[in-house]
Amino acid sequence: MTEQTAGRRVVANISLSLDGHYDGPGAPTNMAWVMPYAVTDVARDHLTSLWKPATTALLGRVNAEGFLAFWPTVIGMEGADPRDEGFAKWLVDADKVVLSSTLRQAPWERTTIVDKPTAEVVADLKATEGGDILVLSSASVIKALLEADQVDRLAITIFPVFLSGGPRLFDDGLPTGQWELVSQAAGEHGTLALVYDRVRAGRPTAP
């Protein structure tokens, strides 16, 4: 039986290459390899299923700058896919927490800048009311939460490319534990969307 932490759920979402990298070698944040697959139906439906139950977006500074510069421009864009526009509107309206030691003031609405350890920030968020806490592709944040065993749902979109190097999401030394596959979908170009829930003793299954 899938068991999970009561209260707010921490949902981590990230895209990986088939050889296990979230970025290529030598060009950090170059996401050109993602784009042909991110616009497939399976990838768009996957993201939609994640943001709809969420009320808080948690991001690192680099991803926040990228996401919050681009996504608001999708609202009202001619020819925009309704799922993209739906996510854009959600991101603008959601409470956003950005982890940064360099930013002092948020340049975006409904955004709080926090300079504290990731695990501590998430523990504080889980003590408040709200829906899911969605970590949007910020690998450093997700890695810290995996290390602290604070991820309740792990959503991975696998794109059928080899990057032949670059950083990996899963480092040696992560806490041992069991995960259960709760959703899977395959789509265009071999895109694969997987959702796993962390199995925890003594907690009821979450939908």
Protein backbone atom coordinates (compact mmCIF):
# COMPACT_ATOMS: atom_id res chain seq x y z
CA MET A 1 0.00 0.00 0.00
CA THR A 2 1.25 3.50 -0.80
CA GLU A 3 1.66 5.57 2.35
CA GLN A 4 2.42 9.22 2.46
CA THR A 5 2.96 12.14 4.77
CA ALA A 6 -0.26 13.70 6.08
CA GLY A 7 -0.92 17.36 5.33
CA ARG A 8 0.61 19.23 2.42
CA ARG A 9 2.36 17.09 -0.15
CA VAL A 10 5.77 17.96 -1.60
CA VAL A 11 5.74 17.19 -5.33
CA ALA A 12 9.01 17.35 -7.25
CA ASN A 13 8.83 17.64 -11.03
CA ILE A 14 11.80 17.35 -13.36
CA SER A 15 12.73 16.23 -16.87
CA LEU A 16 15.54 13.73 -17.43
CA SER A 17 17.34 12.38 -20.45
CA LEU A 18 17.23 8.66 -21.09
CA ASP A 19 20.77 8.37 -19.72
CA GLY A 20 19.73 10.04 -16.46
CA HIS A 21 20.86 13.67 -16.76
CA TYR A 22 18.84 16.81 -16.10
CA ASP A 23 21.29 19.00 -18.01
CA GLY A 24 23.98 18.45 -20.58
CA PRO A 25 27.73 18.81 -20.10
CA GLY A 26 29.42 22.17 -20.33
CA ALA A 27 26.30 24.28 -20.84
CA PRO A 28 24.31 24.64 -17.61
CA THR A 29 20.65 25.61 -18.04
CA ASN A 30 20.77 24.94 -21.80
CA MET A 31 17.39 23.27 -22.17
CA ALA A 32 17.22 23.14 -25.97
CA TRP A 33 17.21 19.34 -25.75
CA VAL A 34 13.94 19.50 -23.80
CA MET A 35 11.89 21.65 -26.15
CA PRO A 36 10.85 19.10 -28.85
CA TYR A 37 9.41 16.87 -26.12
CA ALA A 38 8.03 19.44 -23.66
CA VAL A 39 5.31 20.43 -26.13
CA THR A 40 3.93 16.91 -26.56
CA ASP A 41 0.48 16.06 -25.25
CA VAL A 42 1.85 13.65 -22.65
CA ALA A 43 4.25 16.28 -21.25
CA ARG A 44 1.58 18.99 -21.16
CA ASP A 45 -1.01 16.70 -19.57
CA HIS A 46 1.59 15.54 -17.05
CA LEU A 47 2.37 19.11 -15.93
CA THR A 48 -1.33 19.98 -15.80
CA SER A 49 -1.99 17.07 -13.45
CA LEU A 50 0.72 18.40 -11.13
CA TRP A 51 -0.15 22.09 -10.90
CA LYS A 52 -3.91 21.71 -10.51
CA PRO A 53 -3.73 20.38 -6.89
CA ALA A 54 -0.87 22.74 -5.98
CA THR A 55 -1.07 26.15 -4.35
CA THR A 56 2.63 26.89 -3.84
CA ALA A 57 5.51 26.87 -6.31
CA LEU A 58 8.98 26.29 -4.88
CA LEU A 59 11.94 27.25 -7.05
CA GLY A 60 15.64 27.97 -6.93
CA ARG A 61 16.76 31.40 -8.10
CA VAL A 62 17.94 30.36 -11.58
CA ASN A 63 14.75 28.53 -12.42
CA ALA A 64 12.65 31.31 -10.94
CA GLU A 65 14.31 33.83 -13.23
CA GLY A 66 13.68 31.62 -16.25
CA PHE A 67 10.14 30.53 -15.41
CA LEU A 68 8.89 33.91 -14.27
CA ALA A 69 10.38 35.76 -17.22
CA PHE A 70 8.81 33.45 -19.78
CA TRP A 71 5.53 31.99 -18.54
CA PRO A 72 3.58 35.22 -17.89
CA THR A 73 4.14 36.12 -21.57
CA VAL A 74 2.17 33.01 -22.59
CA ILE A 75 -1.05 34.43 -21.15
CA GLY A 76 -3.06 35.79 -24.05
CA MET A 77 -0.44 34.69 -26.60
CA GLU A 78 -1.96 33.97 -29.99
CA GLY A 79 -2.09 30.25 -30.67
CA ALA A 80 -1.01 29.26 -27.15
CA ASP A 81 -2.04 25.77 -26.08
CA PRO A 82 -4.75 26.09 -23.39
CA ARG A 83 -2.73 23.83 -21.10
CA ASP A 84 0.28 26.12 -21.38
CA GLU A 85 -1.85 29.17 -20.71
CA GLY A 86 -3.48 27.40 -17.76
CA PHE A 87 -0.09 26.69 -16.21
CA ALA A 88 1.05 30.26 -16.87
CA LYS A 89 -2.00 31.69 -15.10
CA TRP A 90 -1.52 29.30 -12.19
CA LEU A 91 2.15 30.28 -11.84
CA VAL A 92 1.30 33.98 -11.78
CA ASP A 93 -1.47 33.52 -9.20
CA ALA A 94 0.19 30.91 -6.99
CA ASP A 95 2.25 31.69 -3.92
CA LYS A 96 5.87 31.39 -4.97
CA VAL A 97 8.82 30.71 -2.69
CA VAL A 98 12.25 31.29 -4.19
CA LEU A 99 15.35 29.98 -2.43
CA SER A 100 18.22 32.41 -2.86
CA SER A 101 21.17 33.77 -0.92
CA THR A 102 21.70 36.63 -3.37
CA LEU A 103 18.25 38.09 -4.07
CA ARG A 104 17.09 40.57 -1.46
CA GLN A 105 13.77 41.62 -2.97
CA ALA A 106 11.34 39.69 -5.15
CA PRO A 107 10.86 41.19 -8.63
CA TRP A 108 7.71 39.08 -9.05
CA GLU A 109 4.26 39.31 -7.49
CA ARG A 110 3.13 36.86 -4.80
CA THR A 111 6.74 35.80 -4.26
CA THR A 112 8.76 35.35 -1.09
CA ILE A 113 12.55 35.17 -1.14
CA VAL A 114 13.98 32.85 1.51
CA ASP A 115 17.62 32.34 2.45
CA LYS A 116 17.38 29.24 4.63
CA PRO A 117 18.20 25.53 4.22
CA THR A 118 15.81 23.87 1.78
CA ALA A 119 14.61 21.22 4.23
CA GLU A 120 13.80 23.90 6.81
CA VAL A 121 11.83 25.96 4.28
CA VAL A 122 9.76 22.94 3.27
CA ALA A 123 9.10 21.98 6.88
CA ASP A 124 7.78 25.50 7.46
CA LEU A 125 5.57 25.33 4.37
CA LYS A 126 4.16 21.95 5.37
CA ALA A 127 3.12 23.43 8.70
CA THR A 128 0.82 25.88 6.89
CA GLU A 129 -2.53 25.37 5.17
CA GLY A 130 -2.71 24.83 1.45
CA GLY A 131 -2.48 22.40 -1.42
CA ASP A 132 0.55 20.67 -2.87
CA ILE A 133 3.97 22.32 -2.80
CA LEU A 134 5.23 21.94 -6.36
CA VAL A 135 8.99 22.08 -6.98
CA LEU A 136 9.37 23.14 -10.59
CA SER A 137 12.44 21.58 -12.21
CA SER A 138 14.89 23.12 -9.73
CA ALA A 139 17.39 20.29 -9.51
CA SER A 140 19.35 21.69 -6.57
CA VAL A 141 16.14 22.03 -4.55
CA ILE A 142 14.92 18.54 -5.48
CA LYS A 143 18.30 16.99 -4.67
CA ALA A 144 18.29 18.61 -1.23
CA LEU A 145 14.75 17.39 -0.56
CA LEU A 146 15.56 13.86 -1.71
CA GLU A 147 18.56 13.86 0.61
CA ALA A 148 16.30 14.96 3.49
CA ASP A 149 13.62 12.42 2.46
CA GLN A 150 11.05 15.20 2.13
CA VAL A 151 9.70 14.41 -1.34
CA ASP A 152 6.25 12.81 -1.18
CA ARG A 153 5.63 12.58 -4.92
CA LEU A 154 8.31 12.39 -7.59
CA ALA A 155 7.20 13.26 -11.12
CA ILE A 156 9.68 12.54 -13.90
CA THR A 157 9.34 13.14 -17.61
CA ILE A 158 11.86 11.08 -19.55
CA PHE A 159 12.89 12.30 -22.98
CA PRO A 160 14.47 9.78 -25.39
CA VAL A 161 17.85 11.44 -25.83
CA PHE A 162 21.34 10.71 -24.54
CA LEU A 163 23.18 13.77 -23.23
CA SER A 164 26.41 11.80 -22.74
CA GLY A 165 27.33 13.66 -19.60
CA GLY A 166 26.22 16.41 -17.28
CA PRO A 167 24.74 16.45 -13.77
CA ARG A 168 22.51 13.65 -12.53
CA LEU A 169 19.51 13.91 -10.22
CA PHE A 170 20.15 10.81 -8.14
CA ASP A 171 23.40 10.90 -6.20
CA ASP A 172 24.81 8.04 -4.18
CA GLY A 173 23.96 8.15 -0.49
CA LEU A 174 20.27 9.04 -0.74
CA PRO A 175 18.07 7.61 2.03
CA THR A 176 16.94 4.08 1.30
CA GLY A 177 13.22 3.71 0.78
CA GLN A 178 10.44 2.37 -1.38
CA TRP A 179 8.53 4.23 -4.07
CA GLU A 180 5.34 3.12 -5.80
CA LEU A 181 4.42 3.94 -9.39
CA VAL A 182 1.02 5.64 -9.36
CA SER A 183 0.84 7.02 -12.91
CA GLN A 184 2.49 6.38 -16.25
CA ALA A 185 1.89 7.67 -19.74
CA ALA A 186 3.78 7.37 -23.02
CA GLY A 187 3.40 9.76 -25.90
CA GLU A 188 4.83 11.33 -29.02
CA HIS A 189 8.52 10.86 -29.84
CA GLY A 190 8.85 8.33 -27.02
CA THR A 191 8.18 10.80 -24.22
CA LEU A 192 7.42 9.00 -20.95
CA ALA A 193 5.74 10.60 -17.90
CA LEU A 194 6.10 8.76 -14.59
CA VAL A 195 4.76 9.61 -11.14
CA TYR A 196 6.00 7.85 -8.01
CA ASP A 197 4.77 8.23 -4.43
CA ARG A 198 7.06 7.72 -1.47
CA VAL A 199 5.92 4.78 0.64
CA ARG A 200 5.82 5.77 4.30
CA ALA A 201 4.60 3.66 7.22
CA GLY A 202 1.44 4.60 9.07
CA ARG A 203 0.07 7.21 6.70
CA PRO A 204 -3.05 7.00 4.50
CA THR A 205 -2.78 6.97 0.74
CA ALA A 206 -3.17 10.36 -0.94
CA PRO A 207 -4.97 10.71 -4.30
